[in-house]
Amino acid sequence: MATADVLKPHATVDEVETGLGKDARENLAVGLSALVADSYMLLVKTQGFHWNVVGPLFRTLHKMTEDQYRELFEGADEIAERIRMLGYPAPGSFAQMSSMSAIKERTDNTPSAEEMVSELIADHETLVRRMREVAVAADELSDTVTNDLLTERMAAHEKTIWMMKATIAQ
């Protein structure tokens, strides 16, 4: 299912004139929907790793992943609310999110602690790259609100990447 197929504007919001045309808002909503999907898929994976981490890094990673999945939940919520402000529904089912996400679900949540961290780093890097693409589109459309939101989200993910890399540095 394509992202655009799940987006149908809400008439009451669609009537509000904020300086962004309907096409611009739709394009941004499509991009942001993919970011909600990525964020949610990463949240689920992070929480699964939180539950299943073992070994010498247990305490560190158990706490770190708990902080991360809570932060991911807040971030996904902020992005979904921005989609709503643009006049479109946010993805609301796991099936929708799974079909839009570049972050793939893991069927085995029991890799080694180091493998968990490496996979989470790669997923956060993917999400930052995709956020940057939507931020560029938002900038081109003069949508400073979306751009500000994505700048904050990218900074949070980049900090997470740094902290996780420092955790497994040799």
C-alpha atoms as a PDB file:
ATOM      1  CA  MET A   1       0.000   0.000   0.000  1.00  0.00           C
ATOM      2  CA  ALA A   2       1.504   3.353  -1.012  1.00  0.00           C
ATOM      3  CA  THR A   3       1.705   6.093   1.575  1.00  0.00           C
ATOM      4  CA  ALA A   4      -0.422   8.455  -0.507  1.00  0.00           C
ATOM      5  CA  ASP A   5      -3.181   5.826  -0.610  1.00  0.00           C
ATOM      6  CA  VAL A   6      -3.726   6.044   3.153  1.00  0.00           C
ATOM      7  CA  LEU A   7      -3.837   9.847   3.256  1.00  0.00           C
ATOM      8  CA  LYS A   8      -7.215  11.441   2.887  1.00  0.00           C
ATOM      9  CA  PRO A   9      -7.546  15.097   3.922  1.00  0.00           C
ATOM     10  CA  HIS A  10      -9.920  16.100   6.686  1.00  0.00           C
ATOM     11  CA  ALA A  11     -12.192  18.797   5.285  1.00  0.00           C
ATOM     12  CA  THR A  12     -12.242  20.994   8.390  1.00  0.00           C
ATOM     13  CA  VAL A  13      -8.470  21.252   8.547  1.00  0.00           C
ATOM     14  CA  ASP A  14      -8.138  21.428   4.765  1.00  0.00           C
ATOM     15  CA  GLU A  15     -10.096  24.718   4.778  1.00  0.00           C
ATOM     16  CA  VAL A  16      -7.543  26.489   7.001  1.00  0.00           C
ATOM     17  CA  GLU A  17      -5.148  28.715   5.041  1.00  0.00           C
ATOM     18  CA  THR A  18      -1.677  28.729   6.572  1.00  0.00           C
ATOM     19  CA  GLY A  19       0.351  29.642   3.502  1.00  0.00           C
ATOM     20  CA  LEU A  20       1.065  26.077   2.425  1.00  0.00           C
ATOM     21  CA  GLY A  21      -0.945  24.890  -0.540  1.00  0.00           C
ATOM     22  CA  LYS A  22      -2.752  21.571  -0.622  1.00  0.00           C
ATOM     23  CA  ASP A  23      -0.090  19.884  -2.795  1.00  0.00           C
ATOM     24  CA  ALA A  24       2.706  21.045  -0.487  1.00  0.00           C
ATOM     25  CA  ARG A  25       0.837  19.850   2.588  1.00  0.00           C
ATOM     26  CA  GLU A  26       0.124  16.481   0.985  1.00  0.00           C
ATOM     27  CA  ASN A  27       3.759  15.982  -0.047  1.00  0.00           C
ATOM     28  CA  LEU A  28       4.914  16.829   3.474  1.00  0.00           C
ATOM     29  CA  ALA A  29       2.254  14.597   5.045  1.00  0.00           C
ATOM     30  CA  VAL A  30       3.418  11.669   2.896  1.00  0.00           C
ATOM     31  CA  GLY A  31       7.039  12.182   3.947  1.00  0.00           C
ATOM     32  CA  LEU A  32       6.137  12.687   7.596  1.00  0.00           C
ATOM     33  CA  SER A  33       3.945   9.573   7.559  1.00  0.00           C
ATOM     34  CA  ALA A  34       6.955   7.514   6.520  1.00  0.00           C
ATOM     35  CA  LEU A  35       8.895   9.061   9.419  1.00  0.00           C
ATOM     36  CA  VAL A  36       6.148   8.157  11.887  1.00  0.00           C
ATOM     37  CA  ALA A  37       6.279   4.614  10.519  1.00  0.00           C
ATOM     38  CA  ASP A  38      10.079   4.490  10.828  1.00  0.00           C
ATOM     39  CA  SER A  39       9.951   5.901  14.353  1.00  0.00           C
ATOM     40  CA  TYR A  40       7.323   3.432  15.456  1.00  0.00           C
ATOM     41  CA  MET A  41       9.086   0.435  13.938  1.00  0.00           C
ATOM     42  CA  LEU A  42      12.303   1.521  15.664  1.00  0.00           C
ATOM     43  CA  LEU A  43      10.389   1.979  18.921  1.00  0.00           C
ATOM     44  CA  VAL A  44       9.048  -1.588  18.761  1.00  0.00           C
ATOM     45  CA  LYS A  45      12.471  -3.011  17.932  1.00  0.00           C
ATOM     46  CA  THR A  46      14.110  -0.986  20.714  1.00  0.00           C
ATOM     47  CA  GLN A  47      11.543  -2.143  23.253  1.00  0.00           C
ATOM     48  CA  GLY A  48      12.011  -5.762  22.190  1.00  0.00           C
ATOM     49  CA  PHE A  49      15.746  -5.407  22.694  1.00  0.00           C
ATOM     50  CA  HIS A  50      15.096  -3.754  26.077  1.00  0.00           C
ATOM     51  CA  TRP A  51      13.149  -6.793  27.206  1.00  0.00           C
ATOM     52  CA  ASN A  52      15.647  -9.326  25.888  1.00  0.00           C
ATOM     53  CA  VAL A  53      19.150  -7.911  26.393  1.00  0.00           C
ATOM     54  CA  VAL A  54      21.529 -10.128  28.403  1.00  0.00           C
ATOM     55  CA  GLY A  55      25.196 -10.170  29.288  1.00  0.00           C
ATOM     56  CA  PRO A  56      27.741  -7.732  30.719  1.00  0.00           C
ATOM     57  CA  LEU A  57      26.040  -4.729  29.056  1.00  0.00           C
ATOM     58  CA  PHE A  58      22.627  -5.653  30.486  1.00  0.00           C
ATOM     59  CA  ARG A  59      22.217  -2.813  32.975  1.00  0.00           C
ATOM     60  CA  THR A  60      23.567  -0.135  30.628  1.00  0.00           C
ATOM     61  CA  LEU A  61      21.516  -1.258  27.627  1.00  0.00           C
ATOM     62  CA  HIS A  62      18.383  -2.048  29.596  1.00  0.00           C
ATOM     63  CA  LYS A  63      18.275   1.551  30.886  1.00  0.00           C
ATOM     64  CA  MET A  64      19.473   3.090  27.610  1.00  0.00           C
ATOM     65  CA  THR A  65      16.880   1.288  25.481  1.00  0.00           C
ATOM     66  CA  GLU A  66      14.101   2.178  27.935  1.00  0.00           C
ATOM     67  CA  ASP A  67      15.005   5.857  27.627  1.00  0.00           C
ATOM     68  CA  GLN A  68      15.164   5.465  23.856  1.00  0.00           C
ATOM     69  CA  TYR A  69      11.795   3.797  23.307  1.00  0.00           C
ATOM     70  CA  ARG A  70      10.099   6.397  25.502  1.00  0.00           C
ATOM     71  CA  GLU A  71      11.785   9.185  23.551  1.00  0.00           C
ATOM     72  CA  LEU A  72      10.838   7.526  20.255  1.00  0.00           C
ATOM     73  CA  PHE A  73       7.198   7.401  21.376  1.00  0.00           C
ATOM     74  CA  GLU A  74       7.214  11.140  22.099  1.00  0.00           C
ATOM     75  CA  GLY A  75       8.941  11.872  18.805  1.00  0.00           C
ATOM     76  CA  ALA A  76       6.497   9.792  16.767  1.00  0.00           C
ATOM     77  CA  ASP A  77       3.638  11.570  18.530  1.00  0.00           C
ATOM     78  CA  GLU A  78       5.045  15.003  17.621  1.00  0.00           C
ATOM     79  CA  ILE A  79       5.471  14.036  13.980  1.00  0.00           C
ATOM     80  CA  ALA A  80       1.964  12.507  13.826  1.00  0.00           C
ATOM     81  CA  GLU A  81       0.491  15.694  15.293  1.00  0.00           C
ATOM     82  CA  ARG A  82       2.286  17.725  12.621  1.00  0.00           C
ATOM     83  CA  ILE A  83       0.664  15.539   9.961  1.00  0.00           C
ATOM     84  CA  ARG A  84      -2.702  16.317  11.525  1.00  0.00           C
ATOM     85  CA  MET A  85      -1.908  20.059  11.495  1.00  0.00           C
ATOM     86  CA  LEU A  86      -1.255  19.735   7.771  1.00  0.00           C
ATOM     87  CA  GLY A  87      -4.769  18.333   7.339  1.00  0.00           C
ATOM     88  CA  TYR A  88      -4.067  14.644   6.909  1.00  0.00           C
ATOM     89  CA  PRO A  89      -4.550  11.565   9.078  1.00  0.00           C
ATOM     90  CA  ALA A  90      -1.455  10.039  10.608  1.00  0.00           C
ATOM     91  CA  PRO A  91      -0.780   6.341  10.053  1.00  0.00           C
ATOM     92  CA  GLY A  92      -2.781   4.488  12.672  1.00  0.00           C
ATOM     93  CA  SER A  93      -2.132   0.809  12.205  1.00  0.00           C
ATOM     94  CA  PHE A  94       0.891  -1.413  12.395  1.00  0.00           C
ATOM     95  CA  ALA A  95       0.115  -2.682   8.883  1.00  0.00           C
ATOM     96  CA  GLN A  96       0.236   0.876   7.502  1.00  0.00           C
ATOM     97  CA  MET A  97       3.444   1.650   9.352  1.00  0.00           C
ATOM     98  CA  SER A  98       5.091  -1.596   8.341  1.00  0.00           C
ATOM     99  CA  SER A  99       4.343  -0.956   4.672  1.00  0.00           C
ATOM    100  CA  MET A 100       5.818   2.578   4.797  1.00  0.00           C
ATOM    101  CA  SER A 101       8.872   1.988   6.968  1.00  0.00           C
ATOM    102  CA  ALA A 102      12.455   1.600   5.792  1.00  0.00           C
ATOM    103  CA  ILE A 103      13.163   0.048   9.196  1.00  0.00           C
ATOM    104  CA  LYS A 104      12.308  -3.589   9.074  1.00  0.00           C
ATOM    105  CA  GLU A 105      10.764  -5.611  11.829  1.00  0.00           C
ATOM    106  CA  ARG A 106      12.961  -8.160  13.559  1.00  0.00           C
ATOM    107  CA  THR A 107      11.538 -11.610  14.069  1.00  0.00           C
ATOM    108  CA  ASP A 108      14.255 -12.631  16.545  1.00  0.00           C
ATOM    109  CA  ASN A 109      14.803 -10.209  19.423  1.00  0.00           C
ATOM    110  CA  THR A 110      17.663 -12.193  20.948  1.00  0.00           C
ATOM    111  CA  PRO A 111      20.891 -11.158  19.197  1.00  0.00           C
ATOM    112  CA  SER A 112      23.936 -10.391  21.343  1.00  0.00           C
ATOM    113  CA  ALA A 113      23.969  -7.041  23.131  1.00  0.00           C
ATOM    114  CA  GLU A 114      26.607  -5.731  20.721  1.00  0.00           C
ATOM    115  CA  GLU A 115      24.541  -6.858  17.712  1.00  0.00           C
ATOM    116  CA  MET A 116      21.490  -5.105  19.190  1.00  0.00           C
ATOM    117  CA  VAL A 117      23.406  -1.848  19.522  1.00  0.00           C
ATOM    118  CA  SER A 118      24.882  -2.128  16.025  1.00  0.00           C
ATOM    119  CA  GLU A 119      21.446  -2.731  14.525  1.00  0.00           C
ATOM    120  CA  LEU A 120      19.897   0.160  16.440  1.00  0.00           C
ATOM    121  CA  ILE A 121      22.715   2.463  15.314  1.00  0.00           C
ATOM    122  CA  ALA A 122      22.079   1.514  11.668  1.00  0.00           C
ATOM    123  CA  ASP A 123      18.324   2.063  12.087  1.00  0.00           C
ATOM    124  CA  HIS A 124      18.803   5.482  13.714  1.00  0.00           C
ATOM    125  CA  GLU A 125      21.155   6.427  10.874  1.00  0.00           C
ATOM    126  CA  THR A 126      18.513   5.369   8.333  1.00  0.00           C
ATOM    127  CA  LEU A 127      15.894   7.433  10.128  1.00  0.00           C
ATOM    128  CA  VAL A 128      18.120  10.524  10.239  1.00  0.00           C
ATOM    129  CA  ARG A 129      18.832  10.244   6.509  1.00  0.00           C
ATOM    130  CA  ARG A 130      15.094  10.002   5.761  1.00  0.00           C
ATOM    131  CA  MET A 131      14.349  12.905   8.106  1.00  0.00           C
ATOM    132  CA  ARG A 132      16.937  14.998   6.312  1.00  0.00           C
ATOM    133  CA  GLU A 133      15.170  14.349   2.972  1.00  0.00           C
ATOM    134  CA  VAL A 134      11.822  15.528   4.369  1.00  0.00           C
ATOM    135  CA  ALA A 135      13.518  18.511   6.044  1.00  0.00           C
ATOM    136  CA  VAL A 136      14.977  19.567   2.683  1.00  0.00           C
ATOM    137  CA  ALA A 137      11.502  19.320   1.115  1.00  0.00           C
ATOM    138  CA  ALA A 138      10.040  21.329   4.008  1.00  0.00           C
ATOM    139  CA  ASP A 139      12.724  23.974   3.552  1.00  0.00           C
ATOM    140  CA  GLU A 140      12.030  24.190  -0.188  1.00  0.00           C
ATOM    141  CA  LEU A 141       8.324  24.682   0.622  1.00  0.00           C
ATOM    142  CA  SER A 142       9.112  27.305   3.309  1.00  0.00           C
ATOM    143  CA  ASP A 143       7.569  25.118   6.014  1.00  0.00           C
ATOM    144  CA  THR A 144       9.682  26.252   8.944  1.00  0.00           C
ATOM    145  CA  VAL A 145       7.459  24.471  11.473  1.00  0.00           C
ATOM    146  CA  THR A 146       8.104  21.046   9.945  1.00  0.00           C
ATOM    147  CA  ASN A 147      11.752  21.916   9.417  1.00  0.00           C
ATOM    148  CA  ASP A 148      12.170  22.943  13.090  1.00  0.00           C
ATOM    149  CA  LEU A 149      10.491  19.747  14.258  1.00  0.00           C
ATOM    150  CA  LEU A 150      12.744  17.601  12.085  1.00  0.00           C
ATOM    151  CA  THR A 151      15.857  19.499  13.154  1.00  0.00           C
ATOM    152  CA  GLU A 152      15.049  18.681  16.781  1.00  0.00           C
ATOM    153  CA  ARG A 153      14.300  15.049  15.947  1.00  0.00           C
ATOM    154  CA  MET A 154      17.520  14.625  13.949  1.00  0.00           C
ATOM    155  CA  ALA A 155      19.538  16.072  16.833  1.00  0.00           C
ATOM    156  CA  ALA A 156      17.938  13.572  19.234  1.00  0.00           C
ATOM    157  CA  HIS A 157      18.715  10.642  16.925  1.00  0.00           C
ATOM    158  CA  GLU A 158      22.271  11.795  16.275  1.00  0.00           C
ATOM    159  CA  LYS A 159      22.874  12.036  20.032  1.00  0.00           C
ATOM    160  CA  THR A 160      21.489   8.512  20.431  1.00  0.00           C
ATOM    161  CA  ILE A 161      23.834   7.258  17.698  1.00  0.00           C
ATOM    162  CA  TRP A 162      26.816   8.849  19.426  1.00  0.00           C
ATOM    163  CA  MET A 163      25.890   7.385  22.821  1.00  0.00           C
ATOM    164  CA  MET A 164      25.336   3.904  21.426  1.00  0.00           C
ATOM    165  CA  LYS A 165      28.607   3.961  19.480  1.00  0.00           C
ATOM    166  CA  ALA A 166      30.415   5.029  22.652  1.00  0.00           C
ATOM    167  CA  THR A 167      28.795   2.104  24.520  1.00  0.00           C
ATOM    168  CA  ILE A 168      30.338  -0.533  22.259  1.00  0.00           C
ATOM    169  CA  ALA A 169      33.598   1.264  21.369  1.00  0.00           C
ATOM    170  CA  GLN A 170      36.645  -0.912  21.781  1.00  0.00           C
END
